[in-house]
Structures are given as C-alpha cells and as structure tokens.
C-alpha atoms as a PDB file:
ATOM      1  CA  MET A   1      -1.434   6.115  19.997  1.00  0.00           C
ATOM      2  CA  ARG A   2      -4.123   7.940  21.696  1.00  0.00           C
ATOM      3  CA  THR A   3      -5.956   8.529  18.508  1.00  0.00           C
ATOM      4  CA  TYR A   4      -8.645   6.336  17.103  1.00  0.00           C
ATOM      5  CA  ASP A   5      -6.459   4.898  14.386  1.00  0.00           C
ATOM      6  CA  GLY A   6      -3.668   4.106  16.904  1.00  0.00           C
ATOM      7  CA  LEU A   7      -5.826   2.489  19.389  1.00  0.00           C
ATOM      8  CA  SER A   8      -7.641   0.496  16.514  1.00  0.00           C
ATOM      9  CA  VAL A   9      -4.090  -0.900  15.487  1.00  0.00           C
ATOM     10  CA  VAL A  10      -3.036  -1.912  18.928  1.00  0.00           C
ATOM     11  CA  LEU A  11      -6.366  -3.419  19.836  1.00  0.00           C
ATOM     12  CA  THR A  12      -6.478  -5.377  16.648  1.00  0.00           C
ATOM     13  CA  GLU A  13      -3.034  -6.652  17.088  1.00  0.00           C
ATOM     14  CA  LYS A  14      -3.620  -7.686  20.862  1.00  0.00           C
ATOM     15  CA  LEU A  15      -7.122  -9.508  20.163  1.00  0.00           C
ATOM     16  CA  HIS A  16      -5.424 -11.274  17.248  1.00  0.00           C
ATOM     17  CA  GLU A  17      -2.490 -12.431  19.698  1.00  0.00           C
ATOM     18  CA  LEU A  18      -5.070 -13.224  22.299  1.00  0.00           C
ATOM     19  CA  TYR A  19      -7.210 -15.517  20.074  1.00  0.00           C
ATOM     20  CA  GLY A  20      -4.039 -17.598  19.348  1.00  0.00           C
ATOM     21  CA  LEU A  21      -3.477 -18.166  23.044  1.00  0.00           C
ATOM     22  CA  THR A  22      -4.826 -20.907  25.493  1.00  0.00           C
ATOM     23  CA  PRO A  23      -7.281 -19.199  28.124  1.00  0.00           C
ATOM     24  CA  GLY A  24      -5.976 -19.250  31.349  1.00  0.00           C
ATOM     25  CA  THR A  25      -2.219 -19.186  30.730  1.00  0.00           C
ATOM     26  CA  ALA A  26      -0.092 -16.406  32.004  1.00  0.00           C
ATOM     27  CA  GLU A  27       0.343 -14.953  28.629  1.00  0.00           C
ATOM     28  CA  TYR A  28      -3.182 -15.073  27.895  1.00  0.00           C
ATOM     29  CA  ARG A  29      -3.834 -13.105  31.180  1.00  0.00           C
ATOM     30  CA  ARG A  30      -1.070 -10.626  30.351  1.00  0.00           C
ATOM     31  CA  ILE A  31      -2.650  -9.736  27.011  1.00  0.00           C
ATOM     32  CA  GLU A  32      -6.007  -9.531  28.541  1.00  0.00           C
ATOM     33  CA  ARG A  33      -4.636  -6.838  31.097  1.00  0.00           C
ATOM     34  CA  LEU A  34      -3.026  -4.900  28.296  1.00  0.00           C
ATOM     35  CA  LEU A  35      -6.152  -4.978  26.270  1.00  0.00           C
ATOM     36  CA  GLY A  36      -7.917  -3.703  29.333  1.00  0.00           C
ATOM     37  CA  GLN A  37      -5.310  -0.790  29.662  1.00  0.00           C
ATOM     38  CA  TYR A  38      -6.077   0.101  25.925  1.00  0.00           C
ATOM     39  CA  CYS A  39      -9.810  -0.106  26.735  1.00  0.00           C
ATOM     40  CA  TYR A  40      -9.227   2.433  29.507  1.00  0.00           C
ATOM     41  CA  GLU A  41      -7.165   4.677  27.137  1.00  0.00           C
ATOM     42  CA  ALA A  42      -9.776   4.508  24.408  1.00  0.00           C
ATOM     43  CA  GLU A  43     -12.480   5.679  26.970  1.00  0.00           C
ATOM     44  CA  GLU A  44     -10.339   8.527  28.162  1.00  0.00           C
ATOM     45  CA  TYR A  45      -9.169   9.845  24.865  1.00  0.00           C
ATOM     46  CA  LEU A  46     -11.940   9.056  22.315  1.00  0.00           C
ATOM     47  CA  SER A  47     -15.299  10.603  21.870  1.00  0.00           C
ATOM     48  CA  VAL A  48     -18.486   8.639  22.420  1.00  0.00           C
ATOM     49  CA  ALA A  49     -19.013   8.155  18.720  1.00  0.00           C
ATOM     50  CA  GLU A  50     -15.376   7.101  18.159  1.00  0.00           C
ATOM     51  CA  LEU A  51     -15.555   4.437  21.084  1.00  0.00           C
ATOM     52  CA  ARG A  52     -18.676   3.112  19.733  1.00  0.00           C
ATOM     53  CA  LEU A  53     -17.260   2.822  16.238  1.00  0.00           C
ATOM     54  CA  LEU A  54     -14.003   1.242  17.694  1.00  0.00           C
ATOM     55  CA  LYS A  55     -16.008  -1.392  19.547  1.00  0.00           C
ATOM     56  CA  GLY A  56     -18.299  -2.069  16.575  1.00  0.00           C
ATOM     57  CA  THR A  57     -15.217  -2.328  14.013  1.00  0.00           C
ATOM     58  CA  LEU A  58     -13.348  -4.835  16.309  1.00  0.00           C
ATOM     59  CA  SER A  59     -16.505  -6.687  17.162  1.00  0.00           C
ATOM     60  CA  ILE A  60     -15.869  -6.345  20.922  1.00  0.00           C
ATOM     61  CA  SER A  61     -18.969  -6.902  23.002  1.00  0.00           C
ATOM     62  CA  GLY A  62     -19.600  -4.708  25.873  1.00  0.00           C
ATOM     63  CA  ARG A  63     -19.244  -7.798  28.159  1.00  0.00           C
ATOM     64  CA  ALA A  64     -15.625  -8.569  26.824  1.00  0.00           C
ATOM     65  CA  TRP A  65     -14.770  -4.796  27.152  1.00  0.00           C
ATOM     66  CA  GLN A  66     -15.734  -4.963  30.684  1.00  0.00           C
ATOM     67  CA  ARG A  67     -13.742  -8.165  31.276  1.00  0.00           C
ATOM     68  CA  TYR A  68     -10.700  -6.689  29.719  1.00  0.00           C
ATOM     69  CA  LYS A  69     -10.981  -3.620  31.955  1.00  0.00           C
ATOM     70  CA  ALA A  70     -11.510  -6.103  35.020  1.00  0.00           C
ATOM     71  CA  ALA A  71      -8.510  -8.024  34.242  1.00  0.00           C
ATOM     72  CA  PHE A  72      -6.378  -4.838  33.950  1.00  0.00           C
ATOM     73  CA  VAL A  73      -7.670  -3.596  37.284  1.00  0.00           C
ATOM     74  CA  ALA A  74      -7.356  -6.957  39.038  1.00  0.00           C
ATOM     75  CA  GLY A  75      -3.652  -7.461  37.902  1.00  0.00           C
ATOM     76  CA  ILE A  76      -0.434  -6.180  37.866  1.00  0.00           C
ATOM     77  CA  PRO A  77       0.057  -3.753  35.000  1.00  0.00           C
ATOM     78  CA  PRO A  78       1.645  -5.235  31.891  1.00  0.00           C
ATOM     79  CA  GLU A  79       4.631  -2.920  31.859  1.00  0.00           C
ATOM     80  CA  ALA A  80       5.614  -4.290  35.166  1.00  0.00           C
ATOM     81  CA  ASN A  81       6.121  -7.712  34.067  1.00  0.00           C
ATOM     82  CA  ASN A  82       8.840  -6.597  31.644  1.00  0.00           C
ATOM     83  CA  ALA A  83      10.978  -5.542  34.493  1.00  0.00           C
END
C-alpha cells in the first residue's frame, strides 16, 4: 500500500467512510486517526510531487491533512482498538 495508488485507494475509502459518520463519535475519531496514519505514510513514501497530486486528487486541504495527522498523534493507534 506504500505506493501512490495504494495510498490513494485507502484514503479514498476512509474519507468516504468518514463523511458518512457523525462528527465526534468514537467511530469518527477512529477513522480520523487512521487517516492521520495514512497521511504520515504518504509523507514518508511518496515524492513531493506525488503527495501534492494525492492531496489535490482527493481534495484534502492542508488544514484537514494536518488535523488528521494531529488526531493520529493525539490518539491511540487504530490497530490497538482491534485488540
């Protein structure tokens, strides 16, 4: 998944999921944290050009990108919730 296409797919799926949830719910926060994790992965594995293209393609603003990353840092990693 650490390719442009892989990250594009998972981010698209999770954004679609997020838009169907009520903000502030536990599931909404879990998906936000997961999106944040994917944002960090995208920054690590994609070139600057690919990252810019990804954000533009998904219409993710810089502010939303930072919010997802902050949610990931502030919360327990999503995988820990599955235990």
